[in-house]
Amino acid sequence: MVIEMRTYKTRPGLRAEFLQIFRLKSVPAHEAIGMRILGPFLSLEDPDTFFFMRGFPDIASREPMKAKFYEGEIWKRELEKALMPMLDRFDVVVVDDPEERICW
């Protein structure tokens, strides 16, 4: 399994609003495509930061699955406009979990 370790920092005070949309709309859209989401995990040190993992079956499926999400109706019609202005920045690290130790 290939996993993106994602760190998001929202603009001040917008984490709760971002996460409400993320949980209700973005996570189901990811899972409908076959991506797995683990999290979000809230930073205890920064009220505007959270983390989550996005899982793919393998490296070959990562780009096509991402394209399906980001070229899809829900992202283009709704999520991009709602979520991107709330973000200050985000970072992604791609890792391999060859033994599939992470339980979803």
N, C-alpha and C. Protein backbone atom coordinates (compact mmCIF):
# COMPACT_ATOMS: atom_id res chain seq x y z
N MET A 1 0.84 -1.17 0.00
CA MET A 1 0.00 0.00 0.00
C MET A 1 0.89 1.24 0.00
N VAL A 2 0.51 2.24 -0.77
CA VAL A 2 1.20 3.52 -0.82
C VAL A 2 0.36 4.54 -0.07
N ILE A 3 1.02 5.32 0.78
CA ILE A 3 0.31 6.25 1.65
C ILE A 3 0.88 7.65 1.50
N GLU A 4 -0.01 8.61 1.38
CA GLU A 4 0.37 10.01 1.46
C GLU A 4 0.14 10.45 2.90
N MET A 5 1.20 10.96 3.52
CA MET A 5 1.10 11.54 4.85
C MET A 5 0.91 13.04 4.62
N ARG A 6 -0.27 13.55 4.93
CA ARG A 6 -0.63 14.92 4.55
C ARG A 6 -0.77 15.80 5.79
N THR A 7 -0.14 16.96 5.76
CA THR A 7 -0.22 17.96 6.82
C THR A 7 -0.87 19.20 6.23
N TYR A 8 -1.95 19.65 6.84
CA TYR A 8 -2.66 20.84 6.38
C TYR A 8 -2.67 21.89 7.47
N LYS A 9 -2.41 23.12 7.07
CA LYS A 9 -2.53 24.26 7.98
C LYS A 9 -3.56 25.20 7.36
N THR A 10 -4.64 25.42 8.08
CA THR A 10 -5.67 26.32 7.58
C THR A 10 -5.32 27.76 7.96
N ARG A 11 -6.02 28.67 7.34
CA ARG A 11 -5.90 30.07 7.76
C ARG A 11 -6.45 30.15 9.18
N PRO A 12 -6.02 31.12 9.97
CA PRO A 12 -6.40 31.18 11.39
C PRO A 12 -7.91 31.05 11.63
N GLY A 13 -8.22 30.11 12.52
CA GLY A 13 -9.61 29.93 12.96
C GLY A 13 -10.51 29.14 12.03
N LEU A 14 -9.98 28.60 10.93
CA LEU A 14 -10.83 27.93 9.94
C LEU A 14 -10.73 26.40 9.97
N ARG A 15 -9.94 25.83 10.88
CA ARG A 15 -9.78 24.38 10.89
C ARG A 15 -11.10 23.65 11.07
N ALA A 16 -11.93 24.05 12.02
CA ALA A 16 -13.20 23.35 12.28
C ALA A 16 -14.11 23.39 11.07
N GLU A 17 -14.20 24.53 10.42
CA GLU A 17 -15.04 24.65 9.23
C GLU A 17 -14.50 23.78 8.09
N PHE A 18 -13.18 23.83 7.89
CA PHE A 18 -12.55 23.00 6.86
C PHE A 18 -12.85 21.52 7.12
N LEU A 19 -12.65 21.09 8.37
CA LEU A 19 -12.84 19.69 8.70
C LEU A 19 -14.29 19.23 8.58
N GLN A 20 -15.23 20.11 8.82
CA GLN A 20 -16.63 19.73 8.64
C GLN A 20 -16.90 19.38 7.17
N ILE A 21 -16.43 20.20 6.27
CA ILE A 21 -16.60 19.94 4.84
C ILE A 21 -15.79 18.71 4.43
N PHE A 22 -14.57 18.62 4.93
CA PHE A 22 -13.69 17.49 4.63
C PHE A 22 -14.36 16.17 5.00
N ARG A 23 -14.88 16.09 6.23
CA ARG A 23 -15.51 14.85 6.70
C ARG A 23 -16.79 14.52 5.94
N LEU A 24 -17.62 15.52 5.70
CA LEU A 24 -18.92 15.28 5.08
C LEU A 24 -18.86 15.06 3.57
N LYS A 25 -17.95 15.73 2.90
CA LYS A 25 -17.95 15.70 1.43
C LYS A 25 -16.71 15.06 0.83
N SER A 26 -15.53 15.47 1.31
CA SER A 26 -14.29 15.02 0.68
C SER A 26 -13.99 13.55 0.98
N VAL A 27 -14.10 13.14 2.23
CA VAL A 27 -13.78 11.75 2.59
C VAL A 27 -14.67 10.77 1.81
N PRO A 28 -15.99 10.95 1.78
CA PRO A 28 -16.81 10.02 1.00
C PRO A 28 -16.45 10.01 -0.49
N ALA A 29 -16.11 11.16 -1.05
CA ALA A 29 -15.72 11.22 -2.46
C ALA A 29 -14.43 10.45 -2.71
N HIS A 30 -13.48 10.56 -1.79
CA HIS A 30 -12.23 9.79 -1.90
C HIS A 30 -12.53 8.29 -1.84
N GLU A 31 -13.31 7.91 -0.85
CA GLU A 31 -13.59 6.49 -0.64
C GLU A 31 -14.39 5.88 -1.79
N ALA A 32 -15.24 6.67 -2.44
CA ALA A 32 -15.99 6.18 -3.59
C ALA A 32 -15.07 5.79 -4.75
N ILE A 33 -13.91 6.44 -4.81
CA ILE A 33 -12.93 6.15 -5.86
C ILE A 33 -12.04 4.98 -5.47
N GLY A 34 -11.99 4.65 -4.18
CA GLY A 34 -11.15 3.56 -3.70
C GLY A 34 -9.96 4.01 -2.87
N MET A 35 -9.83 5.32 -2.66
CA MET A 35 -8.78 5.82 -1.77
C MET A 35 -9.24 5.66 -0.34
N ARG A 36 -8.31 5.34 0.53
CA ARG A 36 -8.63 5.20 1.94
C ARG A 36 -8.15 6.43 2.69
N ILE A 37 -8.94 6.90 3.62
CA ILE A 37 -8.58 8.05 4.44
C ILE A 37 -8.50 7.60 5.89
N LEU A 38 -7.39 7.92 6.53
CA LEU A 38 -7.22 7.66 7.95
C LEU A 38 -6.97 9.01 8.61
N GLY A 39 -7.84 9.39 9.51
CA GLY A 39 -7.76 10.70 10.14
C GLY A 39 -9.05 11.43 9.85
N PRO A 40 -9.09 12.67 10.16
CA PRO A 40 -8.00 13.58 10.50
C PRO A 40 -7.56 13.44 11.94
N PHE A 41 -6.31 13.85 12.16
CA PHE A 41 -5.71 13.92 13.48
C PHE A 41 -5.41 15.39 13.74
N LEU A 42 -5.90 15.91 14.84
CA LEU A 42 -5.77 17.34 15.14
C LEU A 42 -4.49 17.62 15.93
N SER A 43 -3.75 18.62 15.51
CA SER A 43 -2.57 19.05 16.24
C SER A 43 -2.99 19.62 17.59
N LEU A 44 -2.31 19.19 18.64
CA LEU A 44 -2.54 19.75 19.97
C LEU A 44 -1.73 21.01 20.19
N GLU A 45 -0.75 21.24 19.32
CA GLU A 45 0.14 22.39 19.47
C GLU A 45 -0.26 23.57 18.60
N ASP A 46 -1.03 23.32 17.56
CA ASP A 46 -1.41 24.40 16.64
C ASP A 46 -2.89 24.23 16.28
N PRO A 47 -3.74 25.15 16.69
CA PRO A 47 -5.18 25.01 16.47
C PRO A 47 -5.60 25.11 15.00
N ASP A 48 -4.66 25.39 14.11
CA ASP A 48 -4.98 25.51 12.70
C ASP A 48 -4.37 24.38 11.86
N THR A 49 -3.79 23.38 12.50
CA THR A 49 -3.11 22.30 11.78
C THR A 49 -3.78 20.96 12.06
N PHE A 50 -3.83 20.12 11.02
CA PHE A 50 -4.28 18.74 11.17
C PHE A 50 -3.54 17.86 10.19
N PHE A 51 -3.64 16.56 10.40
CA PHE A 51 -2.94 15.57 9.60
C PHE A 51 -3.93 14.50 9.18
N PHE A 52 -3.68 13.89 8.04
CA PHE A 52 -4.41 12.69 7.66
C PHE A 52 -3.57 11.88 6.69
N MET A 53 -3.95 10.63 6.52
CA MET A 53 -3.29 9.76 5.56
C MET A 53 -4.27 9.38 4.47
N ARG A 54 -3.77 9.35 3.25
CA ARG A 54 -4.59 8.94 2.10
C ARG A 54 -3.90 7.74 1.48
N GLY A 55 -4.60 6.61 1.43
CA GLY A 55 -4.01 5.36 0.99
C GLY A 55 -4.46 4.93 -0.40
N PHE A 56 -3.51 4.31 -1.11
CA PHE A 56 -3.72 3.80 -2.46
C PHE A 56 -3.26 2.34 -2.49
N PRO A 57 -3.86 1.51 -3.32
CA PRO A 57 -3.45 0.11 -3.38
C PRO A 57 -1.97 -0.07 -3.73
N ASP A 58 -1.45 0.79 -4.64
CA ASP A 58 -0.06 0.70 -5.07
C ASP A 58 0.32 2.01 -5.76
N ILE A 59 1.59 2.15 -6.11
CA ILE A 59 2.06 3.39 -6.71
C ILE A 59 1.44 3.62 -8.09
N ALA A 60 1.18 2.56 -8.83
CA ALA A 60 0.61 2.72 -10.17
C ALA A 60 -0.80 3.29 -10.13
N SER A 61 -1.53 3.04 -9.06
CA SER A 61 -2.91 3.52 -8.98
C SER A 61 -3.01 4.95 -8.43
N ARG A 62 -1.93 5.45 -7.86
CA ARG A 62 -1.99 6.75 -7.18
C ARG A 62 -2.39 7.89 -8.12
N GLU A 63 -1.66 8.10 -9.18
CA GLU A 63 -1.95 9.23 -10.08
C GLU A 63 -3.33 9.11 -10.74
N PRO A 64 -3.71 7.94 -11.28
CA PRO A 64 -5.05 7.84 -11.86
C PRO A 64 -6.18 8.08 -10.86
N MET A 65 -6.01 7.61 -9.63
CA MET A 65 -7.05 7.83 -8.62
C MET A 65 -7.12 9.30 -8.22
N LYS A 66 -5.97 9.92 -8.08
CA LYS A 66 -5.96 11.35 -7.76
C LYS A 66 -6.61 12.15 -8.90
N ALA A 67 -6.28 11.80 -10.13
CA ALA A 67 -6.87 12.51 -11.27
C ALA A 67 -8.39 12.35 -11.28
N LYS A 68 -8.86 11.16 -10.97
CA LYS A 68 -10.31 10.93 -10.95
C LYS A 68 -10.98 11.82 -9.89
N PHE A 69 -10.32 11.99 -8.75
CA PHE A 69 -10.88 12.85 -7.71
C PHE A 69 -10.83 14.32 -8.14
N TYR A 70 -9.66 14.80 -8.53
CA TYR A 70 -9.49 16.23 -8.81
C TYR A 70 -10.12 16.68 -10.13
N GLU A 71 -10.41 15.76 -11.00
CA GLU A 71 -11.13 16.10 -12.23
C GLU A 71 -12.62 15.81 -12.12
N GLY A 72 -13.03 15.30 -10.97
CA GLY A 72 -14.42 14.93 -10.75
C GLY A 72 -15.31 16.12 -10.43
N GLU A 73 -16.59 15.88 -10.57
CA GLU A 73 -17.59 16.93 -10.37
C GLU A 73 -17.56 17.54 -8.97
N ILE A 74 -17.48 16.71 -7.94
CA ILE A 74 -17.57 17.27 -6.58
C ILE A 74 -16.39 18.19 -6.29
N TRP A 75 -15.19 17.84 -6.76
CA TRP A 75 -14.04 18.72 -6.53
C TRP A 75 -14.20 20.01 -7.32
N LYS A 76 -14.47 19.87 -8.59
CA LYS A 76 -14.54 21.05 -9.47
C LYS A 76 -15.74 21.94 -9.16
N ARG A 77 -16.86 21.34 -8.85
CA ARG A 77 -18.10 22.10 -8.63
C ARG A 77 -18.18 22.71 -7.23
N GLU A 78 -17.61 22.03 -6.24
CA GLU A 78 -17.87 22.43 -4.87
C GLU A 78 -16.62 22.51 -3.98
N LEU A 79 -15.87 21.44 -3.88
CA LEU A 79 -14.82 21.37 -2.87
C LEU A 79 -13.65 22.31 -3.12
N GLU A 80 -13.22 22.43 -4.35
CA GLU A 80 -12.08 23.30 -4.64
C GLU A 80 -12.36 24.74 -4.19
N LYS A 81 -13.54 25.23 -4.54
CA LYS A 81 -13.92 26.61 -4.19
C LYS A 81 -14.10 26.79 -2.69
N ALA A 82 -14.57 25.76 -2.02
CA ALA A 82 -14.83 25.87 -0.59
C ALA A 82 -13.56 25.68 0.24
N LEU A 83 -12.75 24.69 -0.12
CA LEU A 83 -11.62 24.32 0.74
C LEU A 83 -10.33 25.08 0.46
N MET A 84 -9.99 25.29 -0.78
CA MET A 84 -8.68 25.89 -1.08
C MET A 84 -8.50 27.29 -0.48
N PRO A 85 -9.51 28.16 -0.47
CA PRO A 85 -9.31 29.47 0.16
C PRO A 85 -9.08 29.40 1.67
N MET A 86 -9.46 28.30 2.30
CA MET A 86 -9.27 28.15 3.75
C MET A 86 -7.87 27.69 4.11
N LEU A 87 -7.13 27.18 3.13
CA LEU A 87 -5.80 26.64 3.41
C LEU A 87 -4.73 27.71 3.37
N ASP A 88 -3.84 27.63 4.34
CA ASP A 88 -2.64 28.45 4.33
C ASP A 88 -1.55 27.71 3.55
N ARG A 89 -1.39 26.41 3.88
CA ARG A 89 -0.43 25.57 3.15
C ARG A 89 -0.70 24.11 3.48
N PHE A 90 -0.08 23.24 2.65
CA PHE A 90 -0.13 21.81 2.94
C PHE A 90 1.15 21.16 2.45
N ASP A 91 1.49 20.04 3.08
CA ASP A 91 2.66 19.27 2.71
C ASP A 91 2.25 17.81 2.56
N VAL A 92 2.91 17.12 1.63
CA VAL A 92 2.62 15.72 1.38
C VAL A 92 3.93 14.94 1.31
N VAL A 93 3.98 13.83 2.03
CA VAL A 93 5.10 12.90 1.95
C VAL A 93 4.51 11.56 1.54
N VAL A 94 5.05 10.96 0.50
CA VAL A 94 4.55 9.67 0.01
C VAL A 94 5.45 8.56 0.56
N VAL A 95 4.82 7.58 1.20
CA VAL A 95 5.57 6.47 1.79
C VAL A 95 4.97 5.15 1.34
N ASP A 96 5.74 4.10 1.50
CA ASP A 96 5.30 2.76 1.16
C ASP A 96 5.08 1.98 2.45
N ASP A 97 4.01 1.23 2.49
CA ASP A 97 3.72 0.34 3.61
C ASP A 97 3.66 -1.08 3.04
N PRO A 98 4.83 -1.67 2.68
CA PRO A 98 4.82 -2.94 1.95
C PRO A 98 4.21 -4.10 2.73
N GLU A 99 4.24 -4.01 4.05
CA GLU A 99 3.67 -5.09 4.87
C GLU A 99 2.24 -4.78 5.30
N GLU A 100 1.72 -3.66 4.81
CA GLU A 100 0.37 -3.22 5.15
C GLU A 100 0.11 -3.30 6.65
N ARG A 101 0.98 -2.62 7.38
CA ARG A 101 0.88 -2.59 8.84
C ARG A 101 -0.22 -1.65 9.32
N ILE A 102 -0.56 -0.66 8.50
CA ILE A 102 -1.60 0.27 8.90
C ILE A 102 -2.96 -0.38 8.66
N CYS A 103 -3.73 -0.46 9.70
CA CYS A 103 -5.08 -1.05 9.61
C CYS A 103 -6.07 0.06 9.35
N TRP A 104 -6.84 -0.07 8.32
CA TRP A 104 -7.81 0.96 7.96
C TRP A 104 -9.12 0.61 8.58
